[in-house]
Each structure stands twice: as C-alpha cells, then as structure tokens.
N, C-alpha and C. Protein backbone atom coordinates (compact mmCIF):
# COMPACT_ATOMS: atom_id res chain seq x y z
N MET A 1 -20.20 60.27 -12.60
CA MET A 1 -18.85 59.92 -12.99
C MET A 1 -17.89 60.50 -11.95
N PRO A 2 -16.94 59.71 -11.44
CA PRO A 2 -16.00 60.23 -10.43
C PRO A 2 -15.06 61.25 -11.06
N PRO A 3 -14.52 62.16 -10.24
CA PRO A 3 -13.58 63.14 -10.79
C PRO A 3 -12.31 62.46 -11.28
N PRO A 4 -11.63 63.06 -12.25
CA PRO A 4 -10.42 62.44 -12.76
C PRO A 4 -9.33 62.37 -11.69
N ASN A 5 -8.56 61.34 -11.76
CA ASN A 5 -7.45 61.14 -10.85
C ASN A 5 -6.28 62.02 -11.33
N GLU A 6 -5.97 63.07 -10.58
CA GLU A 6 -4.93 64.02 -11.01
C GLU A 6 -3.54 63.39 -11.00
N GLU A 7 -3.30 62.46 -10.11
CA GLU A 7 -2.00 61.77 -10.10
C GLU A 7 -1.83 60.94 -11.37
N ARG A 8 -2.90 60.30 -11.78
CA ARG A 8 -2.84 59.50 -13.01
C ARG A 8 -2.68 60.41 -14.22
N ARG A 9 -3.39 61.52 -14.23
CA ARG A 9 -3.27 62.49 -15.33
C ARG A 9 -1.82 62.97 -15.43
N ALA A 10 -1.20 63.27 -14.28
CA ALA A 10 0.19 63.72 -14.27
C ALA A 10 1.12 62.60 -14.76
N ALA A 11 0.86 61.36 -14.34
CA ALA A 11 1.69 60.23 -14.78
C ALA A 11 1.61 60.05 -16.29
N LEU A 12 0.43 60.24 -16.84
CA LEU A 12 0.27 60.13 -18.30
C LEU A 12 1.03 61.24 -19.01
N ALA A 13 0.94 62.45 -18.50
CA ALA A 13 1.67 63.57 -19.11
C ALA A 13 3.17 63.37 -18.97
N ASP A 14 3.62 62.87 -17.83
CA ASP A 14 5.05 62.61 -17.64
C ASP A 14 5.53 61.54 -18.62
N ALA A 15 4.71 60.53 -18.86
CA ALA A 15 5.06 59.50 -19.84
C ALA A 15 5.16 60.12 -21.23
N ALA A 16 4.25 61.03 -21.54
CA ALA A 16 4.28 61.70 -22.85
C ALA A 16 5.54 62.55 -22.99
N ILE A 17 5.97 63.20 -21.91
CA ILE A 17 7.21 63.98 -21.95
C ILE A 17 8.38 63.07 -22.30
N ALA A 18 8.47 61.93 -21.63
CA ALA A 18 9.56 60.99 -21.90
C ALA A 18 9.51 60.51 -23.35
N LEU A 19 8.33 60.23 -23.86
CA LEU A 19 8.19 59.77 -25.24
C LEU A 19 8.56 60.86 -26.24
N LEU A 20 8.23 62.11 -25.94
CA LEU A 20 8.60 63.20 -26.83
C LEU A 20 10.12 63.25 -27.00
N VAL A 21 10.83 63.04 -25.91
CA VAL A 21 12.29 63.09 -25.96
C VAL A 21 12.85 61.88 -26.69
N GLU A 22 12.30 60.71 -26.40
CA GLU A 22 12.82 59.47 -26.99
C GLU A 22 12.49 59.32 -28.47
N SER A 23 11.26 59.67 -28.83
CA SER A 23 10.76 59.34 -30.17
C SER A 23 10.24 60.52 -30.96
N GLY A 24 10.22 61.70 -30.38
CA GLY A 24 9.62 62.84 -31.04
C GLY A 24 8.11 62.78 -30.93
N VAL A 25 7.46 63.74 -31.51
CA VAL A 25 6.01 63.86 -31.36
C VAL A 25 5.27 62.67 -31.97
N HIS A 26 5.86 62.04 -32.99
CA HIS A 26 5.18 60.92 -33.63
C HIS A 26 5.15 59.68 -32.74
N GLY A 27 6.02 59.64 -31.75
CA GLY A 27 6.03 58.51 -30.81
C GLY A 27 5.02 58.64 -29.69
N VAL A 28 4.35 59.80 -29.62
CA VAL A 28 3.37 60.03 -28.56
C VAL A 28 1.99 59.63 -29.05
N THR A 29 1.62 58.40 -28.72
CA THR A 29 0.29 57.89 -29.02
C THR A 29 -0.35 57.49 -27.69
N HIS A 30 -1.64 57.35 -27.70
CA HIS A 30 -2.33 56.93 -26.47
C HIS A 30 -1.77 55.59 -25.98
N ARG A 31 -1.62 54.67 -26.89
CA ARG A 31 -1.14 53.33 -26.53
C ARG A 31 0.28 53.38 -25.97
N ALA A 32 1.16 54.16 -26.61
CA ALA A 32 2.55 54.27 -26.14
C ALA A 32 2.60 54.94 -24.76
N VAL A 33 1.76 55.93 -24.54
CA VAL A 33 1.71 56.61 -23.24
C VAL A 33 1.24 55.64 -22.16
N ASP A 34 0.21 54.86 -22.46
CA ASP A 34 -0.26 53.85 -21.49
C ASP A 34 0.89 52.91 -21.11
N ARG A 35 1.58 52.41 -22.12
CA ARG A 35 2.69 51.46 -21.86
C ARG A 35 3.78 52.12 -21.03
N ARG A 36 4.17 53.33 -21.44
CA ARG A 36 5.26 54.03 -20.74
C ARG A 36 4.89 54.34 -19.29
N ALA A 37 3.63 54.66 -19.05
CA ALA A 37 3.16 54.97 -17.69
C ALA A 37 2.88 53.71 -16.88
N GLY A 38 2.87 52.55 -17.54
CA GLY A 38 2.57 51.30 -16.84
C GLY A 38 1.11 51.19 -16.44
N LEU A 39 0.24 51.75 -17.28
CA LEU A 39 -1.19 51.75 -16.99
C LEU A 39 -1.94 50.89 -18.01
N PRO A 40 -3.13 50.47 -17.67
CA PRO A 40 -3.90 49.62 -18.59
C PRO A 40 -4.18 50.33 -19.92
N ALA A 41 -4.25 49.53 -20.97
CA ALA A 41 -4.58 50.06 -22.29
C ALA A 41 -5.91 50.80 -22.23
N GLY A 42 -5.97 51.94 -22.87
CA GLY A 42 -7.18 52.75 -22.90
C GLY A 42 -7.21 53.86 -21.85
N THR A 43 -6.26 53.84 -20.92
CA THR A 43 -6.27 54.86 -19.86
C THR A 43 -6.06 56.25 -20.44
N ALA A 44 -5.03 56.41 -21.26
CA ALA A 44 -4.74 57.74 -21.82
C ALA A 44 -5.91 58.27 -22.64
N SER A 45 -6.55 57.40 -23.41
CA SER A 45 -7.67 57.87 -24.23
C SER A 45 -8.89 58.21 -23.38
N ASN A 46 -8.99 57.63 -22.19
CA ASN A 46 -10.07 58.02 -21.27
C ASN A 46 -9.85 59.43 -20.71
N TYR A 47 -8.60 59.79 -20.52
CA TYR A 47 -8.28 61.12 -19.99
C TYR A 47 -8.18 62.17 -21.07
N PHE A 48 -7.68 61.78 -22.23
CA PHE A 48 -7.43 62.72 -23.32
C PHE A 48 -8.02 62.11 -24.59
N ARG A 49 -9.15 62.63 -25.02
CA ARG A 49 -9.91 62.02 -26.13
C ARG A 49 -9.19 62.04 -27.46
N SER A 50 -8.32 63.01 -27.65
CA SER A 50 -7.59 63.09 -28.92
C SER A 50 -6.09 63.18 -28.64
N ARG A 51 -5.33 62.93 -29.66
CA ARG A 51 -3.88 63.05 -29.54
C ARG A 51 -3.50 64.50 -29.26
N GLU A 52 -4.21 65.40 -29.89
CA GLU A 52 -3.95 66.82 -29.67
C GLU A 52 -4.23 67.21 -28.22
N ALA A 53 -5.31 66.68 -27.64
CA ALA A 53 -5.62 66.95 -26.23
C ALA A 53 -4.51 66.41 -25.33
N LEU A 54 -3.94 65.27 -25.69
CA LEU A 54 -2.84 64.70 -24.94
C LEU A 54 -1.62 65.61 -25.02
N LEU A 55 -1.32 66.13 -26.20
CA LEU A 55 -0.17 67.02 -26.37
C LEU A 55 -0.37 68.33 -25.62
N VAL A 56 -1.58 68.87 -25.65
CA VAL A 56 -1.87 70.11 -24.92
C VAL A 56 -1.73 69.87 -23.41
N ALA A 57 -2.25 68.75 -22.93
CA ALA A 57 -2.12 68.43 -21.50
C ALA A 57 -0.66 68.27 -21.11
N THR A 58 0.14 67.74 -22.00
CA THR A 58 1.57 67.58 -21.74
C THR A 58 2.23 68.95 -21.62
N ALA A 59 1.85 69.87 -22.49
CA ALA A 59 2.39 71.24 -22.40
C ALA A 59 1.99 71.88 -21.08
N HIS A 60 0.75 71.70 -20.67
CA HIS A 60 0.30 72.25 -19.38
C HIS A 60 1.09 71.64 -18.22
N ARG A 61 1.37 70.37 -18.29
CA ARG A 61 2.15 69.69 -17.24
C ARG A 61 3.55 70.28 -17.16
N ILE A 62 4.18 70.51 -18.30
CA ILE A 62 5.52 71.08 -18.32
C ILE A 62 5.52 72.46 -17.68
N VAL A 63 4.53 73.27 -18.01
CA VAL A 63 4.46 74.62 -17.43
C VAL A 63 4.25 74.54 -15.92
N ALA A 64 3.38 73.63 -15.46
CA ALA A 64 3.16 73.49 -14.02
C ALA A 64 4.45 73.07 -13.31
N LEU A 65 5.20 72.16 -13.91
CA LEU A 65 6.47 71.73 -13.32
C LEU A 65 7.48 72.88 -13.31
N HIS A 66 7.51 73.65 -14.40
CA HIS A 66 8.42 74.79 -14.48
C HIS A 66 8.06 75.83 -13.41
N GLN A 67 6.78 76.10 -13.25
CA GLN A 67 6.37 77.08 -12.25
C GLN A 67 6.72 76.62 -10.84
N ALA A 68 6.60 75.33 -10.57
CA ALA A 68 7.00 74.80 -9.26
C ALA A 68 8.50 74.99 -9.05
N ASP A 69 9.28 74.73 -10.10
CA ASP A 69 10.73 74.94 -10.00
C ASP A 69 11.05 76.41 -9.76
N MET A 70 10.34 77.28 -10.47
CA MET A 70 10.57 78.73 -10.30
C MET A 70 10.23 79.16 -8.88
N ALA A 71 9.12 78.68 -8.36
CA ALA A 71 8.71 79.04 -7.00
C ALA A 71 9.77 78.59 -6.00
N ALA A 72 10.33 77.41 -6.20
CA ALA A 72 11.38 76.92 -5.30
C ALA A 72 12.64 77.77 -5.44
N ALA A 73 12.98 78.17 -6.66
CA ALA A 73 14.17 78.99 -6.88
C ALA A 73 14.01 80.36 -6.25
N VAL A 74 12.80 80.90 -6.30
CA VAL A 74 12.53 82.22 -5.76
C VAL A 74 12.76 82.25 -4.25
N ARG A 75 12.44 81.15 -3.59
CA ARG A 75 12.64 81.10 -2.13
C ARG A 75 14.09 81.33 -1.75
N GLY A 76 15.00 81.03 -2.67
CA GLY A 76 16.41 81.23 -2.40
C GLY A 76 16.84 82.68 -2.50
N GLY A 77 15.98 83.53 -3.05
CA GLY A 77 16.30 84.95 -3.19
C GLY A 77 17.30 85.17 -4.30
N GLY A 78 17.93 86.35 -4.28
CA GLY A 78 18.93 86.69 -5.28
C GLY A 78 18.40 87.67 -6.30
N SER A 79 19.28 88.05 -7.19
CA SER A 79 18.94 89.02 -8.23
C SER A 79 18.25 88.32 -9.39
N ALA A 80 17.77 89.12 -10.34
CA ALA A 80 17.17 88.56 -11.55
C ALA A 80 18.20 87.73 -12.31
N VAL A 81 19.44 88.19 -12.34
CA VAL A 81 20.50 87.43 -13.01
C VAL A 81 20.69 86.08 -12.32
N ASP A 82 20.74 86.10 -10.99
CA ASP A 82 20.89 84.83 -10.25
C ASP A 82 19.75 83.87 -10.56
N LEU A 83 18.53 84.40 -10.51
CA LEU A 83 17.34 83.58 -10.74
C LEU A 83 17.36 82.97 -12.15
N ILE A 84 17.70 83.76 -13.14
CA ILE A 84 17.71 83.27 -14.52
C ILE A 84 18.85 82.28 -14.73
N ALA A 85 20.02 82.57 -14.19
CA ALA A 85 21.15 81.64 -14.34
C ALA A 85 20.82 80.30 -13.70
N GLU A 86 20.25 80.31 -12.51
CA GLU A 86 19.89 79.06 -11.84
C GLU A 86 18.81 78.32 -12.62
N SER A 87 17.86 79.06 -13.18
CA SER A 87 16.81 78.44 -13.98
C SER A 87 17.39 77.78 -15.22
N LEU A 88 18.33 78.45 -15.89
CA LEU A 88 18.97 77.85 -17.07
C LEU A 88 19.73 76.58 -16.70
N LEU A 89 20.45 76.61 -15.58
CA LEU A 89 21.21 75.44 -15.15
C LEU A 89 20.28 74.27 -14.83
N LEU A 90 19.18 74.55 -14.16
CA LEU A 90 18.23 73.49 -13.81
C LEU A 90 17.54 72.96 -15.07
N ALA A 91 17.06 73.87 -15.90
CA ALA A 91 16.29 73.46 -17.09
C ALA A 91 17.16 72.70 -18.10
N ALA A 92 18.40 73.12 -18.29
CA ALA A 92 19.26 72.47 -19.29
C ALA A 92 20.08 71.34 -18.69
N GLY A 93 20.05 71.22 -17.36
CA GLY A 93 20.76 70.15 -16.67
C GLY A 93 19.81 69.04 -16.26
N PRO A 94 19.44 69.01 -14.98
CA PRO A 94 18.59 67.91 -14.48
C PRO A 94 17.23 67.80 -15.17
N GLN A 95 16.70 68.91 -15.66
CA GLN A 95 15.38 68.89 -16.30
C GLN A 95 15.47 68.95 -17.83
N ARG A 96 16.60 68.61 -18.38
CA ARG A 96 16.84 68.70 -19.83
C ARG A 96 15.74 68.05 -20.67
N ALA A 97 15.30 66.87 -20.28
CA ALA A 97 14.29 66.15 -21.06
C ALA A 97 13.00 66.96 -21.16
N ARG A 98 12.62 67.58 -20.06
CA ARG A 98 11.38 68.37 -20.04
C ARG A 98 11.43 69.46 -21.11
N TYR A 99 12.56 70.12 -21.26
CA TYR A 99 12.64 71.24 -22.18
C TYR A 99 12.89 70.80 -23.61
N LEU A 100 13.50 69.63 -23.80
CA LEU A 100 13.52 69.05 -25.14
C LEU A 100 12.08 68.78 -25.60
N ALA A 101 11.27 68.32 -24.67
CA ALA A 101 9.86 68.06 -24.98
C ALA A 101 9.14 69.36 -25.36
N VAL A 102 9.46 70.45 -24.67
CA VAL A 102 8.85 71.75 -25.00
C VAL A 102 9.15 72.12 -26.45
N PHE A 103 10.40 71.96 -26.85
CA PHE A 103 10.77 72.34 -28.21
C PHE A 103 10.11 71.42 -29.24
N GLU A 104 9.97 70.15 -28.92
CA GLU A 104 9.21 69.23 -29.80
C GLU A 104 7.77 69.72 -29.95
N LEU A 105 7.15 70.09 -28.83
CA LEU A 105 5.76 70.56 -28.87
C LEU A 105 5.65 71.86 -29.67
N ARG A 106 6.60 72.75 -29.50
CA ARG A 106 6.56 74.02 -30.21
C ARG A 106 6.62 73.79 -31.71
N LEU A 107 7.50 72.88 -32.13
CA LEU A 107 7.60 72.58 -33.56
C LEU A 107 6.31 71.93 -34.07
N GLU A 108 5.74 71.02 -33.30
CA GLU A 108 4.49 70.39 -33.70
C GLU A 108 3.35 71.42 -33.77
N GLY A 109 3.43 72.45 -32.94
CA GLY A 109 2.44 73.52 -32.96
C GLY A 109 2.38 74.25 -34.30
N LEU A 110 3.46 74.18 -35.06
CA LEU A 110 3.45 74.79 -36.39
C LEU A 110 2.47 74.09 -37.32
N ARG A 111 2.18 72.82 -37.02
CA ARG A 111 1.27 72.03 -37.85
C ARG A 111 -0.10 71.84 -37.22
N ARG A 112 -0.22 72.19 -35.95
CA ARG A 112 -1.47 71.99 -35.21
C ARG A 112 -1.89 73.31 -34.58
N PRO A 113 -2.80 74.04 -35.21
CA PRO A 113 -3.20 75.35 -34.68
C PRO A 113 -3.70 75.31 -33.24
N ALA A 114 -4.42 74.27 -32.86
CA ALA A 114 -4.94 74.21 -31.48
C ALA A 114 -3.79 74.07 -30.49
N LEU A 115 -2.78 73.30 -30.83
CA LEU A 115 -1.62 73.17 -29.96
C LEU A 115 -0.85 74.48 -29.92
N ALA A 116 -0.70 75.14 -31.06
CA ALA A 116 -0.02 76.43 -31.09
C ALA A 116 -0.75 77.44 -30.22
N ALA A 117 -2.07 77.45 -30.30
CA ALA A 117 -2.85 78.39 -29.48
C ALA A 117 -2.66 78.08 -27.99
N ALA A 118 -2.66 76.82 -27.64
CA ALA A 118 -2.45 76.44 -26.23
C ALA A 118 -1.05 76.85 -25.77
N LEU A 119 -0.05 76.64 -26.62
CA LEU A 119 1.31 77.04 -26.26
C LEU A 119 1.44 78.55 -26.13
N ASP A 120 0.74 79.30 -27.01
CA ASP A 120 0.75 80.76 -26.91
C ASP A 120 0.09 81.22 -25.60
N GLU A 121 -1.01 80.57 -25.22
CA GLU A 121 -1.66 80.90 -23.94
C GLU A 121 -0.72 80.61 -22.77
N LEU A 122 -0.02 79.50 -22.86
CA LEU A 122 0.92 79.15 -21.79
C LEU A 122 2.07 80.15 -21.73
N MET A 123 2.53 80.63 -22.89
CA MET A 123 3.60 81.64 -22.91
C MET A 123 3.12 82.93 -22.25
N ALA A 124 1.88 83.31 -22.53
CA ALA A 124 1.33 84.51 -21.89
C ALA A 124 1.21 84.31 -20.38
N ALA A 125 0.79 83.12 -19.98
CA ALA A 125 0.70 82.84 -18.54
C ALA A 125 2.08 82.87 -17.90
N MET A 126 3.09 82.37 -18.61
CA MET A 126 4.45 82.40 -18.08
C MET A 126 4.96 83.83 -17.95
N ALA A 127 4.59 84.69 -18.88
CA ALA A 127 5.00 86.09 -18.79
C ALA A 127 4.41 86.72 -17.53
N GLY A 128 3.14 86.46 -17.27
CA GLY A 128 2.51 86.98 -16.06
C GLY A 128 3.14 86.39 -14.81
N PHE A 129 3.36 85.09 -14.82
CA PHE A 129 3.95 84.39 -13.69
C PHE A 129 5.35 84.94 -13.40
N THR A 130 6.16 85.10 -14.45
CA THR A 130 7.52 85.61 -14.29
C THR A 130 7.51 87.04 -13.76
N GLY A 131 6.64 87.87 -14.31
CA GLY A 131 6.54 89.25 -13.83
C GLY A 131 6.15 89.32 -12.37
N GLU A 132 5.20 88.47 -11.97
CA GLU A 132 4.77 88.44 -10.57
C GLU A 132 5.90 87.98 -9.65
N HIS A 133 6.65 86.98 -10.09
CA HIS A 133 7.76 86.50 -9.28
C HIS A 133 8.83 87.57 -9.11
N HIS A 134 9.15 88.24 -10.20
CA HIS A 134 10.15 89.30 -10.12
C HIS A 134 9.68 90.42 -9.20
N ALA A 135 8.41 90.80 -9.34
CA ALA A 135 7.86 91.85 -8.48
C ALA A 135 7.85 91.40 -7.02
N GLY A 136 7.48 90.14 -6.78
CA GLY A 136 7.45 89.61 -5.42
C GLY A 136 8.81 89.60 -4.75
N LEU A 137 9.85 89.49 -5.55
CA LEU A 137 11.22 89.52 -5.02
C LEU A 137 11.74 90.95 -4.88
N GLY A 138 10.95 91.90 -5.34
CA GLY A 138 11.40 93.28 -5.28
C GLY A 138 12.42 93.62 -6.36
N LEU A 139 12.49 92.80 -7.40
CA LEU A 139 13.43 93.06 -8.49
C LEU A 139 12.88 94.18 -9.36
N GLN A 140 13.75 95.01 -9.81
CA GLN A 140 13.35 96.16 -10.61
C GLN A 140 13.30 95.81 -12.10
N ILE A 141 12.43 94.88 -12.42
CA ILE A 141 12.27 94.46 -13.82
C ILE A 141 10.90 94.94 -14.28
N PRO A 142 10.85 95.94 -15.15
CA PRO A 142 9.54 96.42 -15.61
C PRO A 142 8.80 95.34 -16.41
N GLN A 143 7.51 95.35 -16.32
CA GLN A 143 6.68 94.37 -17.03
C GLN A 143 6.99 94.37 -18.53
N ALA A 144 7.30 95.53 -19.06
CA ALA A 144 7.60 95.63 -20.50
C ALA A 144 8.85 94.83 -20.88
N ALA A 145 9.71 94.53 -19.92
CA ALA A 145 10.94 93.78 -20.20
C ALA A 145 10.72 92.27 -20.16
N VAL A 146 9.65 91.83 -19.52
CA VAL A 146 9.47 90.41 -19.25
C VAL A 146 9.35 89.58 -20.53
N LEU A 147 8.54 90.01 -21.48
CA LEU A 147 8.36 89.23 -22.71
C LEU A 147 9.68 89.10 -23.48
N THR A 148 10.40 90.21 -23.58
CA THR A 148 11.71 90.17 -24.25
C THR A 148 12.64 89.20 -23.53
N MET A 149 12.64 89.25 -22.21
CA MET A 149 13.49 88.35 -21.44
C MET A 149 13.09 86.89 -21.65
N LEU A 150 11.79 86.63 -21.73
CA LEU A 150 11.35 85.25 -21.96
C LEU A 150 11.78 84.74 -23.33
N VAL A 151 11.71 85.59 -24.33
CA VAL A 151 12.14 85.19 -25.68
C VAL A 151 13.64 84.92 -25.68
N MET A 152 14.40 85.79 -25.05
CA MET A 152 15.85 85.60 -24.99
C MET A 152 16.20 84.36 -24.15
N TYR A 153 15.48 84.16 -23.08
CA TYR A 153 15.67 82.97 -22.24
C TYR A 153 15.42 81.71 -23.07
N GLY A 154 14.34 81.73 -23.85
CA GLY A 154 14.02 80.58 -24.70
C GLY A 154 15.13 80.27 -25.68
N GLY A 155 15.72 81.29 -26.27
CA GLY A 155 16.83 81.08 -27.20
C GLY A 155 18.06 80.51 -26.50
N ALA A 156 18.38 81.06 -25.34
CA ALA A 156 19.51 80.55 -24.56
C ALA A 156 19.26 79.12 -24.13
N LEU A 157 18.04 78.85 -23.69
CA LEU A 157 17.69 77.50 -23.25
C LEU A 157 17.79 76.51 -24.41
N PHE A 158 17.30 76.91 -25.57
CA PHE A 158 17.40 76.03 -26.75
C PHE A 158 18.86 75.68 -27.03
N ALA A 159 19.73 76.68 -27.01
CA ALA A 159 21.14 76.43 -27.28
C ALA A 159 21.74 75.48 -26.24
N LEU A 160 21.40 75.67 -24.98
CA LEU A 160 21.95 74.81 -23.93
C LEU A 160 21.38 73.40 -23.97
N VAL A 161 20.08 73.29 -24.18
CA VAL A 161 19.42 71.97 -24.15
C VAL A 161 19.82 71.12 -25.35
N THR A 162 20.03 71.74 -26.48
CA THR A 162 20.37 70.98 -27.68
C THR A 162 21.87 70.85 -27.90
N GLY A 163 22.65 71.51 -27.04
CA GLY A 163 24.10 71.42 -27.12
C GLY A 163 24.63 70.32 -26.22
N PRO A 164 25.94 70.25 -26.11
CA PRO A 164 26.54 69.20 -25.26
C PRO A 164 26.22 69.43 -23.78
N PRO A 165 25.83 68.38 -23.07
CA PRO A 165 25.48 68.53 -21.65
C PRO A 165 26.61 69.12 -20.81
N GLU A 166 27.85 68.86 -21.18
CA GLU A 166 28.97 69.39 -20.39
C GLU A 166 29.11 70.91 -20.50
N ALA A 167 28.40 71.53 -21.45
CA ALA A 167 28.42 72.99 -21.59
C ALA A 167 27.46 73.68 -20.63
N VAL A 168 26.66 72.91 -19.91
CA VAL A 168 25.68 73.48 -18.98
C VAL A 168 26.37 73.67 -17.63
N VAL A 169 27.08 74.79 -17.53
CA VAL A 169 27.85 75.11 -16.33
C VAL A 169 27.61 76.58 -15.96
N PRO A 170 27.83 76.93 -14.69
CA PRO A 170 27.62 78.33 -14.28
C PRO A 170 28.40 79.34 -15.10
N GLU A 171 29.59 78.98 -15.54
CA GLU A 171 30.41 79.91 -16.33
C GLU A 171 29.78 80.24 -17.68
N VAL A 172 28.87 79.41 -18.14
CA VAL A 172 28.14 79.68 -19.38
C VAL A 172 26.79 80.32 -19.06
N ALA A 173 26.10 79.81 -18.05
CA ALA A 173 24.75 80.28 -17.74
C ALA A 173 24.74 81.72 -17.23
N ARG A 174 25.69 82.09 -16.40
CA ARG A 174 25.66 83.43 -15.81
C ARG A 174 25.79 84.54 -16.86
N PRO A 175 26.76 84.47 -17.79
CA PRO A 175 26.80 85.53 -18.81
C PRO A 175 25.54 85.59 -19.68
N LEU A 176 24.95 84.43 -19.93
CA LEU A 176 23.68 84.42 -20.66
C LEU A 176 22.60 85.15 -19.86
N ALA A 177 22.54 84.89 -18.56
CA ALA A 177 21.55 85.55 -17.71
C ALA A 177 21.77 87.05 -17.67
N VAL A 178 23.02 87.47 -17.60
CA VAL A 178 23.34 88.91 -17.62
C VAL A 178 22.83 89.53 -18.92
N ALA A 179 23.08 88.86 -20.03
CA ALA A 179 22.65 89.38 -21.34
C ALA A 179 21.12 89.41 -21.44
N ILE A 180 20.46 88.41 -20.89
CA ILE A 180 19.00 88.37 -20.92
C ILE A 180 18.41 89.55 -20.15
N VAL A 181 18.91 89.79 -18.95
CA VAL A 181 18.40 90.90 -18.15
C VAL A 181 18.72 92.23 -18.82
N ALA A 182 19.96 92.39 -19.28
CA ALA A 182 20.33 93.65 -19.94
C ALA A 182 19.50 93.89 -21.19
N GLY A 183 19.31 92.84 -21.98
CA GLY A 183 18.50 92.97 -23.20
C GLY A 183 17.05 93.29 -22.90
N GLY A 184 16.49 92.66 -21.89
CA GLY A 184 15.11 92.95 -21.50
C GLY A 184 14.95 94.38 -21.04
N LEU A 185 15.89 94.84 -20.22
CA LEU A 185 15.82 96.23 -19.72
C LEU A 185 16.01 97.23 -20.86
N ALA A 186 16.93 96.93 -21.77
CA ALA A 186 17.14 97.83 -22.91
C ALA A 186 15.89 97.90 -23.78
N ALA A 187 15.25 96.77 -24.01
CA ALA A 187 14.03 96.77 -24.82
C ALA A 187 12.92 97.55 -24.13
N ALA A 188 12.82 97.43 -22.81
CA ALA A 188 11.79 98.17 -22.07
C ALA A 188 12.02 99.66 -22.11
N ASP A 189 13.29 100.06 -22.20
CA ASP A 189 13.63 101.49 -22.21
C ASP A 189 13.64 102.10 -23.60
N SER A 190 13.57 101.26 -24.66
CA SER A 190 13.70 101.80 -26.01
C SER A 190 12.48 102.65 -26.37
N PRO A 191 12.70 103.79 -27.01
CA PRO A 191 11.59 104.68 -27.34
C PRO A 191 10.63 104.11 -28.37
N GLY A 192 11.05 103.18 -29.21
CA GLY A 192 10.18 102.65 -30.25
C GLY A 192 9.35 101.45 -29.84
N ARG A 193 9.41 101.06 -28.56
CA ARG A 193 8.67 99.85 -28.16
C ARG A 193 7.18 100.11 -28.18
N GLY A 194 6.44 98.99 -28.33
CA GLY A 194 4.99 99.06 -28.24
C GLY A 194 4.43 99.41 -29.53
C-alpha cells in the first residue's frame, strides 16, 4: 500500500476546519469533508476510518498550523508580551476560523473521551513547544508559568474570537498579553503552587 498523501490529508483537515466553523461539529462528516475539499467521495473515510479519527486529525492539523505561525512570529524577536500580543492578533484576526474550530472541538471533547484525550495531549505538547520557544528567545519565563499562561491565553483568545472582529486590535491585545505574562509569572512565584 502506498504511503498516505500528506497534502491530501492536510486538505481534508482544512476542509473539516471550515465545516466546523460553518456548521459546527455535526456538519463534519466524511461526505461533507470530501465535498468541501473537492475530492472524490470516500476519500476522507480512506484516510480517517471514523468520524472521531477525522476530528482528532483536524485538531492535530490546527496545532501544526499554530506551531508554524508561532515559529514565524518568533523569528521577529521581541518580548513575551510582544509574542503573545501578536499571536492573539493573528489567531483572532486572519486565523479566526481556525480557533473557532478549536473551541468547537474542545466542546465536542466533553462528549467524546478519545477526542478529549487527544486535545489534552495536544495541550501538553503546546506547553512544551511554548516553553521551548520562550527559552530559545532568551525570555525569562519559567516553565512553571507556561501552563498558566496558556490557560489565560485560551480565555483571552476565546473572548476575542467569539467577540466582534473589530475588537481585535493592538490596543486590546497588548494589555491582555501583559496580563497573561504577569499572571503566569505570579503563579510561578506563588508559594502554594504544585
């Protein structure tokens, strides 16, 4: 059997992301993904045997895209506040659909333990990825602060992505980024942590 076509796998996941935003999780079926991707019927089910496998692959695709965006942002340098503010602007602006899809998947994970487990694994991977990026930039963010910062980032991102698009501006993102960094550092320094 030939190896799977990674471009096609990505196209299927991208189609699922679009469907999550347009129709919610119930609109993501193998047949709908095939149509949205412009591929022959049965393609999605050949790559992802179950609907749950399709949703998990979609979550993995979103994380890979997010990590690529983060790597590009890191090349620009700057402080942790700068990095987080730019990430919020990108995620809630041009990449808004991607993160609406994340929230749809997270809610569906409440009903699908395998999807929840996959999303939890991805969150742990993101914590490691974020910590490595901060360390690589020489930012003084202790590892103990990273998880708190990710949770706070997720809350800020939810508010921005589900709010009016015109609210996604630097004047809103920067104070949120300042609060995220300050909160993460405070949590890392608190005596009762762990």
